[in-house]
C-alpha atoms as a PDB file:
ATOM      1  CA  MET A   1       6.299  15.448  11.389  1.00  0.00           C
ATOM      2  CA  ALA A   2       5.638  17.764   8.522  1.00  0.00           C
ATOM      3  CA  SER A   3       9.134  19.531   9.475  1.00  0.00           C
ATOM      4  CA  ILE A   4      11.036  16.493   8.738  1.00  0.00           C
ATOM      5  CA  GLY A   5       9.251  15.659   5.318  1.00  0.00           C
ATOM      6  CA  LEU A   6       6.691  13.119   6.513  1.00  0.00           C
ATOM      7  CA  PRO A   7       3.226  13.479   4.705  1.00  0.00           C
ATOM      8  CA  VAL A   8       0.676  14.996   7.257  1.00  0.00           C
ATOM      9  CA  PRO A   9      -2.830  15.649   6.240  1.00  0.00           C
ATOM     10  CA  PRO A  10      -4.513  18.933   7.148  1.00  0.00           C
ATOM     11  CA  GLY A  11      -6.150  19.294  10.409  1.00  0.00           C
ATOM     12  CA  PHE A  12      -7.016  21.454  13.452  1.00  0.00           C
ATOM     13  CA  THR A  13      -7.070  21.304  17.097  1.00  0.00           C
ATOM     14  CA  ILE A  14     -10.071  21.777  19.489  1.00  0.00           C
ATOM     15  CA  THR A  15      -8.076  22.323  22.920  1.00  0.00           C
ATOM     16  CA  ALA A  16      -8.847  20.777  26.058  1.00  0.00           C
ATOM     17  CA  ASP A  17      -9.945  24.272  27.399  1.00  0.00           C
ATOM     18  CA  VAL A  18     -13.122  23.695  25.225  1.00  0.00           C
ATOM     19  CA  CYS A  19     -13.958  20.684  27.581  1.00  0.00           C
ATOM     20  CA  THR A  20     -13.592  22.675  30.497  1.00  0.00           C
ATOM     21  CA  ALA A  21     -15.739  25.362  29.076  1.00  0.00           C
ATOM     22  CA  PHE A  22     -18.350  22.816  28.180  1.00  0.00           C
ATOM     23  CA  TYR A  23     -18.626  21.769  31.732  1.00  0.00           C
ATOM     24  CA  ASP A  24     -18.134  25.003  33.271  1.00  0.00           C
ATOM     25  CA  ASN A  25     -21.138  26.446  31.012  1.00  0.00           C
ATOM     26  CA  GLY A  26     -23.906  23.592  32.143  1.00  0.00           C
ATOM     27  CA  LYS A  27     -22.713  21.218  29.384  1.00  0.00           C
ATOM     28  CA  LYS A  28     -22.947  23.676  26.628  1.00  0.00           C
ATOM     29  CA  TYR A  29     -20.400  24.363  24.042  1.00  0.00           C
ATOM     30  CA  PRO A  30     -18.927  27.556  23.751  1.00  0.00           C
ATOM     31  CA  ASP A  31     -21.015  29.758  21.245  1.00  0.00           C
ATOM     32  CA  GLU A  32     -18.006  30.484  18.937  1.00  0.00           C
ATOM     33  CA  LEU A  33     -17.049  26.973  18.455  1.00  0.00           C
ATOM     34  CA  LYS A  34     -19.214  25.846  15.661  1.00  0.00           C
ATOM     35  CA  GLY A  35     -18.244  28.829  13.550  1.00  0.00           C
ATOM     36  CA  GLN A  36     -14.706  28.151  14.075  1.00  0.00           C
ATOM     37  CA  VAL A  37     -15.158  24.427  13.474  1.00  0.00           C
ATOM     38  CA  ASP A  38     -16.805  25.153  10.290  1.00  0.00           C
ATOM     39  CA  THR A  39     -14.158  27.561   9.052  1.00  0.00           C
ATOM     40  CA  ALA A  40     -11.410  24.853   9.791  1.00  0.00           C
ATOM     41  CA  LEU A  41     -13.245  22.242   8.201  1.00  0.00           C
ATOM     42  CA  ALA A  42     -13.825  24.586   4.972  1.00  0.00           C
ATOM     43  CA  ALA A  43      -9.959  25.019   4.953  1.00  0.00           C
ATOM     44  CA  ILE A  44      -9.317  21.393   4.887  1.00  0.00           C
ATOM     45  CA  GLU A  45     -11.886  20.741   2.424  1.00  0.00           C
ATOM     46  CA  LYS A  46     -10.367  23.427   0.051  1.00  0.00           C
ATOM     47  CA  SER A  47      -6.866  22.172   0.474  1.00  0.00           C
ATOM     48  CA  VAL A  48      -7.921  18.472  -0.412  1.00  0.00           C
ATOM     49  CA  GLY A  49     -10.583  19.299  -2.863  1.00  0.00           C
ATOM     50  CA  LEU A  50     -13.251  17.051  -1.211  1.00  0.00           C
ATOM     51  CA  ASN A  51     -16.321  18.059   0.866  1.00  0.00           C
ATOM     52  CA  PHE A  52     -17.503  16.668   4.223  1.00  0.00           C
ATOM     53  CA  GLY A  53     -20.884  14.800   3.498  1.00  0.00           C
ATOM     54  CA  ASP A  54     -20.831  15.362  -0.264  1.00  0.00           C
ATOM     55  CA  HIS A  55     -22.188  12.215  -2.073  1.00  0.00           C
ATOM     56  CA  ASN A  56     -19.624  12.652  -4.930  1.00  0.00           C
ATOM     57  CA  HIS A  57     -16.575  13.576  -3.352  1.00  0.00           C
ATOM     58  CA  PRO A  58     -16.655  12.917   0.446  1.00  0.00           C
ATOM     59  CA  LEU A  59     -14.242  14.088   2.962  1.00  0.00           C
ATOM     60  CA  LEU A  60     -13.658  11.714   5.829  1.00  0.00           C
ATOM     61  CA  VAL A  61     -11.951  12.857   8.864  1.00  0.00           C
ATOM     62  CA  SER A  62     -10.443  11.206  11.900  1.00  0.00           C
ATOM     63  CA  VAL A  63     -10.893  12.589  15.222  1.00  0.00           C
ATOM     64  CA  ARG A  64      -8.149  11.950  17.898  1.00  0.00           C
ATOM     65  CA  SER A  65      -8.895  12.572  21.596  1.00  0.00           C
ATOM     66  CA  GLY A  66      -6.461  14.079  24.048  1.00  0.00           C
ATOM     67  CA  ALA A  67      -5.939  15.102  27.609  1.00  0.00           C
ATOM     68  CA  ARG A  68      -3.811  17.684  29.284  1.00  0.00           C
ATOM     69  CA  VAL A  69      -1.660  14.983  30.633  1.00  0.00           C
ATOM     70  CA  SER A  70      -0.505  11.835  28.927  1.00  0.00           C
ATOM     71  CA  MET A  71      -2.858   8.790  29.320  1.00  0.00           C
ATOM     72  CA  PRO A  72      -1.332   6.050  27.112  1.00  0.00           C
ATOM     73  CA  GLY A  73      -4.149   3.483  26.007  1.00  0.00           C
ATOM     74  CA  MET A  74      -6.893   5.725  27.507  1.00  0.00           C
ATOM     75  CA  MET A  75      -7.838   7.949  24.560  1.00  0.00           C
ATOM     76  CA  ASP A  76     -10.124   6.947  21.615  1.00  0.00           C
ATOM     77  CA  THR A  77      -9.528   7.822  17.821  1.00  0.00           C
ATOM     78  CA  VAL A  78     -12.586   7.887  15.500  1.00  0.00           C
ATOM     79  CA  LEU A  79     -11.524   7.059  12.038  1.00  0.00           C
ATOM     80  CA  ASN A  80     -13.389   7.926   8.775  1.00  0.00           C
ATOM     81  CA  LEU A  81     -16.127  10.233  10.368  1.00  0.00           C
ATOM     82  CA  GLY A  82     -18.249  11.206   7.647  1.00  0.00           C
ATOM     83  CA  LEU A  83     -18.955   7.565   6.312  1.00  0.00           C
ATOM     84  CA  ASN A  84     -22.388   6.952   6.010  1.00  0.00           C
ATOM     85  CA  ASP A  85     -24.891   5.302   3.376  1.00  0.00           C
ATOM     86  CA  ILE A  86     -24.623   8.461   1.056  1.00  0.00           C
ATOM     87  CA  THR A  87     -20.943   9.092   1.305  1.00  0.00           C
ATOM     88  CA  VAL A  88     -20.068   5.529   0.759  1.00  0.00           C
ATOM     89  CA  GLU A  89     -21.524   5.705  -2.879  1.00  0.00           C
ATOM     90  CA  GLY A  90     -19.218   8.426  -3.701  1.00  0.00           C
ATOM     91  CA  LEU A  91     -16.410   6.403  -2.386  1.00  0.00           C
ATOM     92  CA  ALA A  92     -17.354   3.331  -4.567  1.00  0.00           C
ATOM     93  CA  ARG A  93     -17.096   5.512  -7.904  1.00  0.00           C
ATOM     94  CA  PRO A  94     -13.797   5.538  -9.668  1.00  0.00           C
ATOM     95  CA  PRO A  95     -10.851   6.226  -9.237  1.00  0.00           C
ATOM     96  CA  THR A  96     -11.290   4.366  -5.975  1.00  0.00           C
ATOM     97  CA  THR A  97     -11.991   0.626  -5.921  1.00  0.00           C
ATOM     98  CA  ARG A  98     -15.483  -1.101  -5.210  1.00  0.00           C
ATOM     99  CA  ALA A  99     -13.753  -2.375  -1.879  1.00  0.00           C
ATOM    100  CA  SER A 100     -12.709   0.869  -0.677  1.00  0.00           C
ATOM    101  CA  PRO A 101     -15.937   1.665   1.196  1.00  0.00           C
ATOM    102  CA  GLY A 102     -16.179  -1.453   2.809  1.00  0.00           C
ATOM    103  CA  THR A 103     -12.670  -1.348   3.819  1.00  0.00           C
ATOM    104  CA  LEU A 104     -13.092   1.999   5.520  1.00  0.00           C
ATOM    105  CA  THR A 105     -16.286   0.727   7.324  1.00  0.00           C
ATOM    106  CA  ALA A 106     -14.332  -2.276   8.465  1.00  0.00           C
ATOM    107  CA  ALA A 107     -11.609  -0.127   9.734  1.00  0.00           C
ATOM    108  CA  SER A 108     -14.122   2.226  11.470  1.00  0.00           C
ATOM    109  CA  SER A 109     -15.701  -0.537  13.003  1.00  0.00           C
ATOM    110  CA  ARG A 110     -12.668  -2.304  14.391  1.00  0.00           C
ATOM    111  CA  CYS A 111     -11.557   1.137  15.763  1.00  0.00           C
ATOM    112  CA  THR A 112     -14.751   1.842  17.546  1.00  0.00           C
ATOM    113  CA  ALA A 113     -15.564  -1.892  18.440  1.00  0.00           C
ATOM    114  CA  PRO A 114     -14.839  -3.372  22.050  1.00  0.00           C
ATOM    115  CA  SER A 115     -11.542  -4.938  21.847  1.00  0.00           C
ATOM    116  CA  SER A 116     -13.156  -8.356  21.945  1.00  0.00           C
ATOM    117  CA  TRP A 117     -14.513  -7.610  18.438  1.00  0.00           C
ATOM    118  CA  ARG A 118     -11.319  -6.284  16.835  1.00  0.00           C
ATOM    119  CA  ARG A 119     -10.221  -9.794  15.823  1.00  0.00           C
ATOM    120  CA  SER A 120     -12.563 -11.111  13.129  1.00  0.00           C
ATOM    121  CA  PRO A 121     -12.368 -14.418  11.652  1.00  0.00           C
ATOM    122  CA  PRO A 122     -11.230 -14.719   7.863  1.00  0.00           C
ATOM    123  CA  VAL A 123     -14.159 -14.227   5.495  1.00  0.00           C
ATOM    124  CA  ARG A 124     -13.927 -16.409   2.325  1.00  0.00           C
ATOM    125  CA  GLY A 125     -10.423 -17.416   3.413  1.00  0.00           C
ATOM    126  CA  ILE A 126      -9.080 -13.561   3.251  1.00  0.00           C
ATOM    127  CA  ILE A 127      -7.591 -12.147   6.176  1.00  0.00           C
ATOM    128  CA  GLU A 128      -6.906  -8.649   4.969  1.00  0.00           C
ATOM    129  CA  HIS A 129     -10.056  -6.574   4.867  1.00  0.00           C
ATOM    130  CA  ALA A 130      -8.553  -4.543   1.881  1.00  0.00           C
ATOM    131  CA  LYS A 131      -8.885  -7.727  -0.306  1.00  0.00           C
ATOM    132  CA  LEU A 132     -12.385  -8.274   0.422  1.00  0.00           C
ATOM    133  CA  ASP A 133     -14.984  -7.025  -2.273  1.00  0.00           C
ATOM    134  CA  ALA A 134     -18.028  -4.842  -2.054  1.00  0.00           C
ATOM    135  CA  ASP A 135     -20.295  -8.008  -1.863  1.00  0.00           C
ATOM    136  CA  VAL A 136     -18.749  -9.157   1.591  1.00  0.00           C
ATOM    137  CA  ILE A 137     -18.383  -5.819   3.089  1.00  0.00           C
ATOM    138  CA  GLU A 138     -21.691  -3.584   3.182  1.00  0.00           C
ATOM    139  CA  THR A 139     -22.115  -0.280   4.966  1.00  0.00           C
ATOM    140  CA  PRO A 140     -23.631  -1.202   8.319  1.00  0.00           C
ATOM    141  CA  ARG A 141     -27.502  -0.586   8.630  1.00  0.00           C
END
């Protein structure tokens, strides 16, 4: 996508080989994995000027699962990994809007919730989560 000029956020890949190694090694990750992930995450932090877990300038990431063979509809995506009660406060500070943290929480909940939960009724007559203010959307406790 980047080669045709579309904006693509920085990222890295943990291959399916890590899954195989995990099960071949008694459900333990390869020793070098943590260091490799830390290095890759540091590169992303540097490129975007945000830090994972930081309460002032938090970096949120998304995790897309995959498989060696295509399995449409069977893989999960986790949005806004890193969103918690500490980082949400950083997101609520300018230049973002007060609604941003709640919108992210709502998006995360809708992504990870069972499909029967994904259709929520309008709140105060507002259908789009992005239009809800911080008094309506709170960080889940």
